[in-house]
N, C-alpha and C. Protein backbone atom coordinates (compact mmCIF):
# COMPACT_ATOMS: atom_id res chain seq x y z
N MET A 1 12.60 19.21 6.32
CA MET A 1 11.46 19.83 6.94
C MET A 1 11.59 19.65 8.45
N THR A 2 11.38 20.72 9.19
CA THR A 2 11.50 20.63 10.64
C THR A 2 10.23 20.04 11.25
N LYS A 3 10.35 19.60 12.48
CA LYS A 3 9.20 19.05 13.20
C LYS A 3 8.07 20.08 13.28
N GLU A 4 8.43 21.31 13.53
CA GLU A 4 7.41 22.37 13.63
C GLU A 4 6.70 22.58 12.29
N GLU A 5 7.45 22.56 11.21
CA GLU A 5 6.84 22.71 9.87
C GLU A 5 5.88 21.56 9.59
N ILE A 6 6.27 20.37 9.98
CA ILE A 6 5.42 19.20 9.76
C ILE A 6 4.13 19.33 10.55
N ARG A 7 4.25 19.78 11.78
CA ARG A 7 3.07 19.93 12.64
C ARG A 7 2.12 21.00 12.13
N GLU A 8 2.67 22.10 11.63
CA GLU A 8 1.85 23.25 11.26
C GLU A 8 1.26 23.15 9.86
N LYS A 9 1.91 22.45 8.97
CA LYS A 9 1.49 22.44 7.57
C LYS A 9 0.03 22.03 7.35
N PRO A 10 -0.46 20.97 7.96
CA PRO A 10 -1.85 20.57 7.67
C PRO A 10 -2.90 21.38 8.41
N GLU A 11 -2.51 22.30 9.28
CA GLU A 11 -3.50 23.02 10.10
C GLU A 11 -4.51 23.78 9.25
N THR A 12 -4.07 24.45 8.19
CA THR A 12 -4.99 25.20 7.34
C THR A 12 -6.03 24.28 6.73
N GLU A 13 -5.58 23.15 6.23
CA GLU A 13 -6.53 22.21 5.63
C GLU A 13 -7.52 21.70 6.66
N PHE A 14 -7.05 21.40 7.86
CA PHE A 14 -7.95 20.93 8.90
C PHE A 14 -8.99 22.01 9.23
N LYS A 15 -8.56 23.27 9.27
CA LYS A 15 -9.49 24.36 9.55
C LYS A 15 -10.53 24.48 8.42
N LEU A 16 -10.08 24.33 7.18
CA LEU A 16 -11.00 24.40 6.05
C LEU A 16 -12.03 23.27 6.09
N ARG A 17 -11.64 22.15 6.65
CA ARG A 17 -12.56 21.01 6.77
C ARG A 17 -13.46 21.12 7.99
N GLY A 18 -13.29 22.18 8.76
CA GLY A 18 -14.17 22.42 9.89
C GLY A 18 -13.77 21.73 11.18
N TYR A 19 -12.52 21.28 11.28
CA TYR A 19 -12.05 20.66 12.52
C TYR A 19 -11.99 21.72 13.62
N SER A 20 -12.32 21.32 14.82
CA SER A 20 -12.20 22.24 15.95
C SER A 20 -10.72 22.41 16.30
N GLN A 21 -10.42 23.48 17.02
CA GLN A 21 -9.03 23.72 17.42
C GLN A 21 -8.55 22.59 18.33
N LYS A 22 -9.45 22.06 19.14
CA LYS A 22 -9.09 20.94 20.02
C LYS A 22 -8.66 19.73 19.19
N SER A 23 -9.40 19.43 18.12
CA SER A 23 -9.04 18.31 17.24
C SER A 23 -7.69 18.56 16.57
N ILE A 24 -7.50 19.77 16.11
CA ILE A 24 -6.23 20.13 15.45
C ILE A 24 -5.07 19.95 16.43
N ASP A 25 -5.26 20.42 17.65
CA ASP A 25 -4.21 20.28 18.66
C ASP A 25 -3.93 18.81 18.97
N THR A 26 -4.97 17.98 18.98
CA THR A 26 -4.81 16.55 19.22
C THR A 26 -3.99 15.92 18.10
N TYR A 27 -4.30 16.29 16.86
CA TYR A 27 -3.54 15.77 15.72
C TYR A 27 -2.07 16.18 15.85
N LYS A 28 -1.84 17.44 16.17
CA LYS A 28 -0.46 17.92 16.28
C LYS A 28 0.30 17.19 17.37
N ALA A 29 -0.35 16.95 18.49
CA ALA A 29 0.30 16.23 19.59
C ALA A 29 0.65 14.81 19.17
N GLY A 30 -0.26 14.16 18.46
CA GLY A 30 0.01 12.80 17.98
C GLY A 30 1.17 12.76 17.01
N ILE A 31 1.23 13.73 16.14
CA ILE A 31 2.33 13.82 15.17
C ILE A 31 3.65 14.03 15.89
N THR A 32 3.66 14.94 16.85
CA THR A 32 4.88 15.23 17.60
C THR A 32 5.37 14.00 18.35
N THR A 33 4.45 13.29 18.99
CA THR A 33 4.82 12.09 19.74
C THR A 33 5.44 11.04 18.82
N PHE A 34 4.83 10.85 17.66
CA PHE A 34 5.36 9.90 16.69
C PHE A 34 6.75 10.31 16.23
N LEU A 35 6.94 11.56 15.89
CA LEU A 35 8.25 12.02 15.42
C LEU A 35 9.31 11.86 16.50
N ASP A 36 8.94 12.16 17.74
CA ASP A 36 9.89 11.98 18.84
C ASP A 36 10.24 10.50 19.00
N TRP A 37 9.25 9.64 18.92
CA TRP A 37 9.48 8.20 19.07
C TRP A 37 10.35 7.67 17.94
N ALA A 38 10.06 8.07 16.71
CA ALA A 38 10.79 7.55 15.55
C ALA A 38 12.26 7.96 15.58
N ASN A 39 12.52 9.17 16.05
CA ASN A 39 13.88 9.67 16.23
C ASN A 39 14.74 9.53 14.96
N LYS A 40 14.15 9.90 13.83
CA LYS A 40 14.92 9.96 12.59
C LYS A 40 14.29 11.02 11.70
N PRO A 41 15.01 11.45 10.68
CA PRO A 41 14.47 12.53 9.83
C PRO A 41 13.13 12.14 9.23
N TYR A 42 12.25 13.11 9.18
CA TYR A 42 10.90 12.89 8.66
C TYR A 42 10.92 12.28 7.27
N GLU A 43 11.83 12.75 6.46
CA GLU A 43 11.92 12.28 5.08
C GLU A 43 12.27 10.80 4.99
N ASP A 44 12.83 10.24 6.05
CA ASP A 44 13.22 8.82 6.06
C ASP A 44 12.13 7.91 6.63
N LEU A 45 11.06 8.48 7.12
CA LEU A 45 9.99 7.68 7.71
C LEU A 45 9.18 6.99 6.62
N ASP A 46 8.68 5.82 6.95
CA ASP A 46 7.84 5.10 6.00
C ASP A 46 6.72 4.38 6.75
N GLU A 47 5.95 3.61 6.02
CA GLU A 47 4.81 2.92 6.61
C GLU A 47 5.23 1.96 7.72
N GLU A 48 6.37 1.33 7.57
CA GLU A 48 6.83 0.39 8.60
C GLU A 48 7.08 1.11 9.92
N ASP A 49 7.66 2.31 9.86
CA ASP A 49 7.87 3.09 11.08
C ASP A 49 6.54 3.37 11.77
N PHE A 50 5.57 3.77 10.97
CA PHE A 50 4.25 4.07 11.51
C PHE A 50 3.61 2.84 12.14
N ARG A 51 3.68 1.72 11.48
CA ARG A 51 3.12 0.47 12.02
C ARG A 51 3.83 0.06 13.31
N ASN A 52 5.13 0.18 13.34
CA ASN A 52 5.88 -0.15 14.55
C ASN A 52 5.49 0.77 15.71
N TYR A 53 5.22 2.02 15.39
CA TYR A 53 4.78 2.96 16.42
C TYR A 53 3.41 2.55 16.97
N LEU A 54 2.50 2.18 16.09
CA LEU A 54 1.18 1.75 16.55
C LEU A 54 1.29 0.50 17.42
N ILE A 55 2.14 -0.43 17.04
CA ILE A 55 2.37 -1.62 17.86
C ILE A 55 2.90 -1.21 19.23
N HIS A 56 3.86 -0.31 19.22
CA HIS A 56 4.47 0.17 20.47
C HIS A 56 3.42 0.78 21.40
N ILE A 57 2.61 1.70 20.89
CA ILE A 57 1.65 2.36 21.79
C ILE A 57 0.52 1.43 22.20
N THR A 58 0.21 0.44 21.37
CA THR A 58 -0.82 -0.52 21.73
C THR A 58 -0.31 -1.45 22.83
N GLN A 59 0.91 -1.94 22.68
CA GLN A 59 1.49 -2.85 23.68
C GLN A 59 1.82 -2.15 24.98
N GLU A 60 2.09 -0.87 24.90
CA GLU A 60 2.41 -0.10 26.10
C GLU A 60 1.22 -0.11 27.07
N GLY A 61 0.01 -0.12 26.53
CA GLY A 61 -1.18 -0.28 27.35
C GLY A 61 -1.62 0.92 28.15
N ARG A 62 -1.00 2.07 27.94
CA ARG A 62 -1.37 3.26 28.72
C ARG A 62 -2.46 4.08 28.05
N LEU A 63 -2.70 3.86 26.77
CA LEU A 63 -3.64 4.70 26.04
C LEU A 63 -4.96 3.99 25.80
N LYS A 64 -6.03 4.76 25.81
CA LYS A 64 -7.35 4.23 25.50
C LYS A 64 -7.44 3.97 24.00
N PRO A 65 -8.28 3.03 23.59
CA PRO A 65 -8.44 2.76 22.16
C PRO A 65 -8.78 4.00 21.35
N GLN A 66 -9.57 4.90 21.91
CA GLN A 66 -9.93 6.13 21.19
C GLN A 66 -8.69 6.98 20.92
N THR A 67 -7.77 7.05 21.85
CA THR A 67 -6.54 7.81 21.67
C THR A 67 -5.67 7.18 20.60
N ILE A 68 -5.58 5.87 20.61
CA ILE A 68 -4.80 5.16 19.58
C ILE A 68 -5.42 5.40 18.21
N ASN A 69 -6.75 5.35 18.13
CA ASN A 69 -7.42 5.61 16.86
C ASN A 69 -7.15 7.02 16.36
N SER A 70 -7.10 7.97 17.27
CA SER A 70 -6.81 9.35 16.90
C SER A 70 -5.41 9.46 16.31
N LYS A 71 -4.46 8.81 16.94
CA LYS A 71 -3.09 8.83 16.43
C LYS A 71 -3.01 8.11 15.09
N ASN A 72 -3.76 7.02 14.96
CA ASN A 72 -3.79 6.25 13.74
C ASN A 72 -4.37 7.07 12.58
N SER A 73 -5.17 8.02 12.90
CA SER A 73 -5.78 8.88 11.88
C SER A 73 -4.88 10.07 11.55
N ALA A 74 -4.32 10.68 12.55
CA ALA A 74 -3.54 11.92 12.35
C ALA A 74 -2.26 11.70 11.57
N ILE A 75 -1.53 10.69 11.91
CA ILE A 75 -0.20 10.51 11.33
C ILE A 75 -0.24 10.20 9.84
N PRO A 76 -1.06 9.23 9.38
CA PRO A 76 -1.08 8.98 7.93
C PRO A 76 -1.53 10.19 7.13
N ARG A 77 -2.52 10.92 7.63
CA ARG A 77 -2.97 12.11 6.92
C ARG A 77 -1.86 13.13 6.78
N THR A 78 -1.11 13.32 7.83
CA THR A 78 -0.03 14.30 7.78
C THR A 78 1.06 13.84 6.83
N MET A 79 1.38 12.56 6.87
CA MET A 79 2.42 12.06 5.97
C MET A 79 1.97 12.22 4.52
N GLN A 80 0.72 11.94 4.23
CA GLN A 80 0.22 12.09 2.86
C GLN A 80 0.21 13.55 2.45
N LYS A 81 -0.21 14.43 3.31
CA LYS A 81 -0.29 15.86 2.97
C LYS A 81 1.09 16.46 2.74
N ASN A 82 2.10 15.87 3.34
CA ASN A 82 3.46 16.39 3.18
C ASN A 82 4.25 15.62 2.12
N SER A 83 3.54 14.87 1.29
CA SER A 83 4.13 14.13 0.19
C SER A 83 5.24 13.19 0.62
N ILE A 84 5.04 12.55 1.75
CA ILE A 84 5.98 11.55 2.22
C ILE A 84 5.49 10.21 1.69
N LYS A 85 6.35 9.23 1.71
CA LYS A 85 6.01 7.90 1.19
C LYS A 85 4.59 7.52 1.59
N PRO A 86 3.85 6.94 0.65
CA PRO A 86 2.44 6.65 0.91
C PRO A 86 2.21 5.79 2.14
N VAL A 87 1.19 6.17 2.86
CA VAL A 87 0.75 5.40 4.02
C VAL A 87 -0.74 5.17 3.82
N ARG A 88 -1.15 3.94 3.90
CA ARG A 88 -2.56 3.61 3.72
C ARG A 88 -3.27 3.66 5.06
N GLU A 89 -4.43 4.28 5.06
CA GLU A 89 -5.29 4.20 6.23
C GLU A 89 -6.13 2.96 6.06
N GLU A 90 -6.19 2.14 7.08
CA GLU A 90 -6.97 0.90 6.97
C GLU A 90 -8.15 0.97 7.90
């Protein structure tokens, strides 16, 4: 699955749930940033990659807590919707 396919796949569901286009775009940006950071095929990503990414962006200190929470929400949902290894939202 390409990065673009991964980004676009959940958009219909988000629209059905009433998300604004701004929220959808924010989710897509978070997903893209994570995929770029992980730098490996999507199918090989797992919960540990996601946790390491959250540690990375938290320690980097450039993002507000609200932005980190947004990324923490977008990525697991997308991974679950694309039938990738389970990721728990905590």
